[in-house]
Amino acid sequence: MKLDLHKNLTASVTLDETKLIDHGTSMVYGKTEDDDVFIFIKDPRNGRSMKIHIREYLEEVRDEKDI
């Protein structure tokens, strides 16, 4: 899996009531290693980044009706 930065993916990250990363300044990208998926959300403006680690079960969805 590779998320294409050219698609301009953004994310907002909020912890409790505190917004850590905003859509306006974030970049989202990802990578895989074996059965692990890593999604990174970075705010280059303040250098803060969030790493989301998903493990064990992945299923490729080819059609929306499979969701």
PDB file of N, CA and C in Angstrom:
ATOM      1  N   MET A   1       0.848  -1.180   0.000  1.00  0.00           N
ATOM      2  CA  MET A   1       0.000   0.000   0.000  1.00  0.00           C
ATOM      3  C   MET A   1       0.881   1.227   0.000  1.00  0.00           C
ATOM      4  N   LYS A   2       0.549   2.169  -0.844  1.00  0.00           N
ATOM      5  CA  LYS A   2       1.269   3.432  -0.870  1.00  0.00           C
ATOM      6  C   LYS A   2       0.239   4.528  -1.083  1.00  0.00           C
ATOM      7  N   LEU A   3       0.195   5.481  -0.185  1.00  0.00           N
ATOM      8  CA  LEU A   3      -0.718   6.599  -0.358  1.00  0.00           C
ATOM      9  C   LEU A   3      -0.028   7.649  -1.214  1.00  0.00           C
ATOM     10  N   ASP A   4      -0.710   8.130  -2.212  1.00  0.00           N
ATOM     11  CA  ASP A   4      -0.144   9.073  -3.168  1.00  0.00           C
ATOM     12  C   ASP A   4      -0.252  10.494  -2.624  1.00  0.00           C
ATOM     13  N   LEU A   5       0.892  11.111  -2.333  1.00  0.00           N
ATOM     14  CA  LEU A   5       0.881  12.486  -1.831  1.00  0.00           C
ATOM     15  C   LEU A   5       0.334  13.465  -2.862  1.00  0.00           C
ATOM     16  N   HIS A   6       0.354  13.084  -4.127  1.00  0.00           N
ATOM     17  CA  HIS A   6      -0.155  13.972  -5.168  1.00  0.00           C
ATOM     18  C   HIS A   6      -1.677  14.083  -5.124  1.00  0.00           C
ATOM     19  N   LYS A   7      -2.331  13.242  -4.338  1.00  0.00           N
ATOM     20  CA  LYS A   7      -3.783  13.305  -4.203  1.00  0.00           C
ATOM     21  C   LYS A   7      -4.195  14.336  -3.159  1.00  0.00           C
ATOM     22  N   ASN A   8      -3.222  14.977  -2.518  1.00  0.00           N
ATOM     23  CA  ASN A   8      -3.491  16.017  -1.522  1.00  0.00           C
ATOM     24  C   ASN A   8      -4.350  15.516  -0.379  1.00  0.00           C
ATOM     25  N   LEU A   9      -4.000  14.354   0.184  1.00  0.00           N
ATOM     26  CA  LEU A   9      -4.709  13.818   1.338  1.00  0.00           C
ATOM     27  C   LEU A   9      -4.339  14.632   2.570  1.00  0.00           C
ATOM     28  N   THR A  10      -5.352  15.009   3.350  1.00  0.00           N
ATOM     29  CA  THR A  10      -5.117  15.737   4.589  1.00  0.00           C
ATOM     30  C   THR A  10      -5.922  15.099   5.699  1.00  0.00           C
ATOM     31  N   ALA A  11      -5.585  15.441   6.934  1.00  0.00           N
ATOM     32  CA  ALA A  11      -6.308  14.905   8.079  1.00  0.00           C
ATOM     33  C   ALA A  11      -6.281  15.916   9.210  1.00  0.00           C
ATOM     34  N   SER A  12      -7.249  15.790  10.082  1.00  0.00           N
ATOM     35  CA  SER A  12      -7.304  16.581  11.296  1.00  0.00           C
ATOM     36  C   SER A  12      -7.184  15.601  12.458  1.00  0.00           C
ATOM     37  N   VAL A  13      -6.324  15.922  13.439  1.00  0.00           N
ATOM     38  CA  VAL A  13      -6.133  15.052  14.598  1.00  0.00           C
ATOM     39  C   VAL A  13      -6.512  15.833  15.849  1.00  0.00           C
ATOM     40  N   THR A  14      -7.437  15.264  16.621  1.00  0.00           N
ATOM     41  CA  THR A  14      -7.883  15.876  17.870  1.00  0.00           C
ATOM     42  C   THR A  14      -7.746  14.858  18.982  1.00  0.00           C
ATOM     43  N   LEU A  15      -7.122  15.253  20.075  1.00  0.00           N
ATOM     44  CA  LEU A  15      -6.979  14.407  21.256  1.00  0.00           C
ATOM     45  C   LEU A  15      -7.768  15.047  22.378  1.00  0.00           C
ATOM     46  N   ASP A  16      -8.775  14.333  22.872  1.00  0.00           N
ATOM     47  CA  ASP A  16      -9.732  14.897  23.824  1.00  0.00           C
ATOM     48  C   ASP A  16     -10.337  16.143  23.183  1.00  0.00           C
ATOM     49  N   GLU A  17     -10.116  17.301  23.715  1.00  0.00           N
ATOM     50  CA  GLU A  17     -10.663  18.540  23.147  1.00  0.00           C
ATOM     51  C   GLU A  17      -9.596  19.385  22.457  1.00  0.00           C
ATOM     52  N   THR A  18      -8.368  18.869  22.368  1.00  0.00           N
ATOM     53  CA  THR A  18      -7.260  19.640  21.819  1.00  0.00           C
ATOM     54  C   THR A  18      -6.950  19.217  20.389  1.00  0.00           C
ATOM     55  N   LYS A  19      -7.018  20.150  19.449  1.00  0.00           N
ATOM     56  CA  LYS A  19      -6.675  19.854  18.053  1.00  0.00           C
ATOM     57  C   LYS A  19      -5.155  19.885  17.918  1.00  0.00           C
ATOM     58  N   LEU A  20      -4.579  18.745  17.522  1.00  0.00           N
ATOM     59  CA  LEU A  20      -3.133  18.629  17.381  1.00  0.00           C
ATOM     60  C   LEU A  20      -2.660  18.941  15.974  1.00  0.00           C
ATOM     61  N   ILE A  21      -3.438  18.513  14.984  1.00  0.00           N
ATOM     62  CA  ILE A  21      -3.078  18.724  13.583  1.00  0.00           C
ATOM     63  C   ILE A  21      -4.338  19.155  12.844  1.00  0.00           C
ATOM     64  N   ASP A  22      -4.199  20.128  11.943  1.00  0.00           N
ATOM     65  CA  ASP A  22      -5.337  20.686  11.223  1.00  0.00           C
ATOM     66  C   ASP A  22      -5.294  20.266   9.752  1.00  0.00           C
ATOM     67  N   HIS A  23      -6.467  20.156   9.139  1.00  0.00           N
ATOM     68  CA  HIS A  23      -6.548  19.812   7.705  1.00  0.00           C
ATOM     69  C   HIS A  23      -5.749  20.772   6.831  1.00  0.00           C
ATOM     70  N   GLY A  24      -5.753  22.033   7.184  1.00  0.00           N
ATOM     71  CA  GLY A  24      -5.127  23.042   6.329  1.00  0.00           C
ATOM     72  C   GLY A  24      -3.634  22.918   6.178  1.00  0.00           C
ATOM     73  N   THR A  25      -2.982  22.223   7.109  1.00  0.00           N
ATOM     74  CA  THR A  25      -1.524  22.155   7.066  1.00  0.00           C
ATOM     75  C   THR A  25      -0.978  20.732   7.063  1.00  0.00           C
ATOM     76  N   SER A  26      -1.834  19.723   7.053  1.00  0.00           N
ATOM     77  CA  SER A  26      -1.355  18.348   7.212  1.00  0.00           C
ATOM     78  C   SER A  26      -1.074  17.650   5.888  1.00  0.00           C
ATOM     79  N   MET A  27      -0.265  16.584   5.982  1.00  0.00           N
ATOM     80  CA  MET A  27       0.009  15.674   4.869  1.00  0.00           C
ATOM     81  C   MET A  27      -0.202  14.264   5.397  1.00  0.00           C
ATOM     82  N   VAL A  28      -0.803  13.387   4.588  1.00  0.00           N
ATOM     83  CA  VAL A  28      -1.058  12.009   4.995  1.00  0.00           C
ATOM     84  C   VAL A  28      -0.324  11.085   4.033  1.00  0.00           C
ATOM     85  N   TYR A  29       0.387  10.105   4.597  1.00  0.00           N
ATOM     86  CA  TYR A  29       1.030   9.108   3.761  1.00  0.00           C
ATOM     87  C   TYR A  29       1.088   7.802   4.529  1.00  0.00           C
ATOM     88  N   GLY A  30       1.372   6.706   3.858  1.00  0.00           N
ATOM     89  CA  GLY A  30       1.375   5.417   4.518  1.00  0.00           C
ATOM     90  C   GLY A  30       2.373   4.469   3.912  1.00  0.00           C
ATOM     91  N   LYS A  31       2.625   3.375   4.642  1.00  0.00           N
ATOM     92  CA  LYS A  31       3.493   2.315   4.131  1.00  0.00           C
ATOM     93  C   LYS A  31       3.080   1.003   4.778  1.00  0.00           C
ATOM     94  N   THR A  32       3.493  -0.105   4.179  1.00  0.00           N
ATOM     95  CA  THR A  32       3.202  -1.428   4.737  1.00  0.00           C
ATOM     96  C   THR A  32       4.497  -2.189   4.942  1.00  0.00           C
ATOM     97  N   GLU A  33       4.491  -3.045   5.937  1.00  0.00           N
ATOM     98  CA  GLU A  33       5.572  -3.995   6.191  1.00  0.00           C
ATOM     99  C   GLU A  33       4.916  -5.280   6.656  1.00  0.00           C
ATOM    100  N   ASP A  34       5.044  -6.347   5.890  1.00  0.00           N
ATOM    101  CA  ASP A  34       4.407  -7.628   6.203  1.00  0.00           C
ATOM    102  C   ASP A  34       2.906  -7.412   6.435  1.00  0.00           C
ATOM    103  N   ASP A  35       2.391  -7.737   7.626  1.00  0.00           N
ATOM    104  CA  ASP A  35       0.962  -7.574   7.920  1.00  0.00           C
ATOM    105  C   ASP A  35       0.669  -6.266   8.644  1.00  0.00           C
ATOM    106  N   ASP A  36       1.619  -5.357   8.682  1.00  0.00           N
ATOM    107  CA  ASP A  36       1.448  -4.093   9.390  1.00  0.00           C
ATOM    108  C   ASP A  36       1.246  -2.950   8.406  1.00  0.00           C
ATOM    109  N   VAL A  37       0.329  -2.071   8.734  1.00  0.00           N
ATOM    110  CA  VAL A  37       0.084  -0.868   7.943  1.00  0.00           C
ATOM    111  C   VAL A  37       0.371   0.324   8.841  1.00  0.00           C
ATOM    112  N   PHE A  38       1.148   1.271   8.338  1.00  0.00           N
ATOM    113  CA  PHE A  38       1.461   2.482   9.075  1.00  0.00           C
ATOM    114  C   PHE A  38       0.898   3.671   8.317  1.00  0.00           C
ATOM    115  N   ILE A  39       0.111   4.485   8.995  1.00  0.00           N
ATOM    116  CA  ILE A  39      -0.412   5.715   8.409  1.00  0.00           C
ATOM    117  C   ILE A  39       0.194   6.869   9.190  1.00  0.00           C
ATOM    118  N   PHE A  40       0.800   7.799   8.490  1.00  0.00           N
ATOM    119  CA  PHE A  40       1.442   8.945   9.110  1.00  0.00           C
ATOM    120  C   PHE A  40       0.677  10.214   8.748  1.00  0.00           C
ATOM    121  N   ILE A  41       0.449  11.063   9.727  1.00  0.00           N
ATOM    122  CA  ILE A  41      -0.183  12.361   9.511  1.00  0.00           C
ATOM    123  C   ILE A  41       0.803  13.390  10.034  1.00  0.00           C
ATOM    124  N   LYS A  42       1.316  14.223   9.160  1.00  0.00           N
ATOM    125  CA  LYS A  42       2.366  15.168   9.528  1.00  0.00           C
ATOM    126  C   LYS A  42       1.892  16.603   9.317  1.00  0.00           C
ATOM    127  N   ASP A  43       2.267  17.452  10.261  1.00  0.00           N
ATOM    128  CA  ASP A  43       2.023  18.888  10.139  1.00  0.00           C
ATOM    129  C   ASP A  43       3.379  19.560   9.976  1.00  0.00           C
ATOM    130  N   PRO A  44       3.805  19.849   8.731  1.00  0.00           N
ATOM    131  CA  PRO A  44       5.127  20.427   8.501  1.00  0.00           C
ATOM    132  C   PRO A  44       5.295  21.813   9.124  1.00  0.00           C
ATOM    133  N   ARG A  45       4.196  22.473   9.395  1.00  0.00           N
ATOM    134  CA  ARG A  45       4.259  23.815   9.966  1.00  0.00           C
ATOM    135  C   ARG A  45       4.874  23.798  11.372  1.00  0.00           C
ATOM    136  N   ASN A  46       4.482  22.814  12.187  1.00  0.00           N
ATOM    137  CA  ASN A  46       5.022  22.759  13.543  1.00  0.00           C
ATOM    138  C   ASN A  46       5.889  21.518  13.792  1.00  0.00           C
ATOM    139  N   GLY A  47       6.080  20.673  12.782  1.00  0.00           N
ATOM    140  CA  GLY A  47       6.929  19.498  12.906  1.00  0.00           C
ATOM    141  C   GLY A  47       6.295  18.324  13.632  1.00  0.00           C
ATOM    142  N   ARG A  48       5.068  18.466  14.045  1.00  0.00           N
ATOM    143  CA  ARG A  48       4.375  17.416  14.791  1.00  0.00           C
ATOM    144  C   ARG A  48       3.858  16.356  13.817  1.00  0.00           C
ATOM    145  N   SER A  49       3.968  15.081  14.215  1.00  0.00           N
ATOM    146  CA  SER A  49       3.420  14.018  13.376  1.00  0.00           C
ATOM    147  C   SER A  49       2.758  12.959  14.236  1.00  0.00           C
ATOM    148  N   MET A  50       1.803  12.254  13.640  1.00  0.00           N
ATOM    149  CA  MET A  50       1.037  11.208  14.301  1.00  0.00           C
ATOM    150  C   MET A  50       1.258   9.932  13.497  1.00  0.00           C
ATOM    151  N   LYS A  51       1.561   8.838  14.177  1.00  0.00           N
ATOM    152  CA  LYS A  51       1.761   7.543  13.520  1.00  0.00           C
ATOM    153  C   LYS A  51       0.656   6.607  13.998  1.00  0.00           C
ATOM    154  N   ILE A  52      -0.076   6.030  13.047  1.00  0.00           N
ATOM    155  CA  ILE A  52      -1.130   5.073  13.346  1.00  0.00           C
ATOM    156  C   ILE A  52      -0.658   3.717  12.835  1.00  0.00           C
ATOM    157  N   HIS A  53      -0.627   2.737  13.730  1.00  0.00           N
ATOM    158  CA  HIS A  53      -0.139   1.406  13.388  1.00  0.00           C
ATOM    159  C   HIS A  53      -1.324   0.442  13.406  1.00  0.00           C
ATOM    160  N   ILE A  54      -1.612  -0.166  12.258  1.00  0.00           N
ATOM    161  CA  ILE A  54      -2.698  -1.126  12.125  1.00  0.00           C
ATOM    162  C   ILE A  54      -2.062  -2.484  11.872  1.00  0.00           C
ATOM    163  N   ARG A  55      -2.501  -3.510  12.603  1.00  0.00           N
ATOM    164  CA  ARG A  55      -1.834  -4.802  12.527  1.00  0.00           C
ATOM    165  C   ARG A  55      -2.813  -5.958  12.320  1.00  0.00           C
ATOM    166  N   GLU A  56      -2.291  -7.017  11.751  1.00  0.00           N
ATOM    167  CA  GLU A  56      -2.836  -8.367  11.708  1.00  0.00           C
ATOM    168  C   GLU A  56      -3.840  -8.656  10.611  1.00  0.00           C
ATOM    169  N   TYR A  57      -4.928  -7.895  10.488  1.00  0.00           N
ATOM    170  CA  TYR A  57      -5.948  -8.315   9.535  1.00  0.00           C
ATOM    171  C   TYR A  57      -6.208  -7.212   8.521  1.00  0.00           C
ATOM    172  N   LEU A  58      -5.946  -7.508   7.285  1.00  0.00           N
ATOM    173  CA  LEU A  58      -6.227  -6.583   6.185  1.00  0.00           C
ATOM    174  C   LEU A  58      -6.979  -7.349   5.110  1.00  0.00           C
ATOM    175  N   GLU A  59      -7.928  -6.699   4.515  1.00  0.00           N
ATOM    176  CA  GLU A  59      -8.668  -7.311   3.422  1.00  0.00           C
ATOM    177  C   GLU A  59      -8.786  -6.276   2.311  1.00  0.00           C
ATOM    178  N   GLU A  60      -8.370  -6.659   1.137  1.00  0.00           N
ATOM    179  CA  GLU A  60      -8.481  -5.747   0.011  1.00  0.00           C
ATOM    180  C   GLU A  60      -9.923  -5.717  -0.472  1.00  0.00           C
ATOM    181  N   VAL A  61     -10.469  -4.521  -0.591  1.00  0.00           N
ATOM    182  CA  VAL A  61     -11.844  -4.342  -1.041  1.00  0.00           C
ATOM    183  C   VAL A  61     -11.787  -3.873  -2.487  1.00  0.00           C
ATOM    184  N   ARG A  62     -12.437  -4.592  -3.348  1.00  0.00           N
ATOM    185  CA  ARG A  62     -12.414  -4.249  -4.774  1.00  0.00           C
ATOM    186  C   ARG A  62     -13.706  -3.573  -5.223  1.00  0.00           C
ATOM    187  N   ASP A  63     -14.751  -3.703  -4.412  1.00  0.00           N
ATOM    188  CA  ASP A  63     -16.042  -3.136  -4.789  1.00  0.00           C
ATOM    189  C   ASP A  63     -16.713  -2.597  -3.534  1.00  0.00           C
ATOM    190  N   GLU A  64     -17.396  -1.474  -3.643  1.00  0.00           N
ATOM    191  CA  GLU A  64     -18.035  -0.857  -2.481  1.00  0.00           C
ATOM    192  C   GLU A  64     -19.061  -1.779  -1.829  1.00  0.00           C
ATOM    193  N   LYS A  65     -19.683  -2.668  -2.568  1.00  0.00           N
ATOM    194  CA  LYS A  65     -20.694  -3.561  -1.976  1.00  0.00           C
ATOM    195  C   LYS A  65     -20.040  -4.581  -1.031  1.00  0.00           C
ATOM    196  N   ASP A  66     -18.698  -4.754  -1.101  1.00  0.00           N
ATOM    197  CA  ASP A  66     -17.995  -5.668  -0.211  1.00  0.00           C
ATOM    198  C   ASP A  66     -17.731  -5.057   1.162  1.00  0.00           C
ATOM    199  N   ILE A  67     -17.962  -3.756   1.308  1.00  0.00           N
ATOM    200  CA  ILE A  67     -17.660  -3.076   2.577  1.00  0.00           C
ATOM    201  C   ILE A  67     -18.726  -3.397   3.606  1.00  0.00           C
TER     202      ILE A  67
END
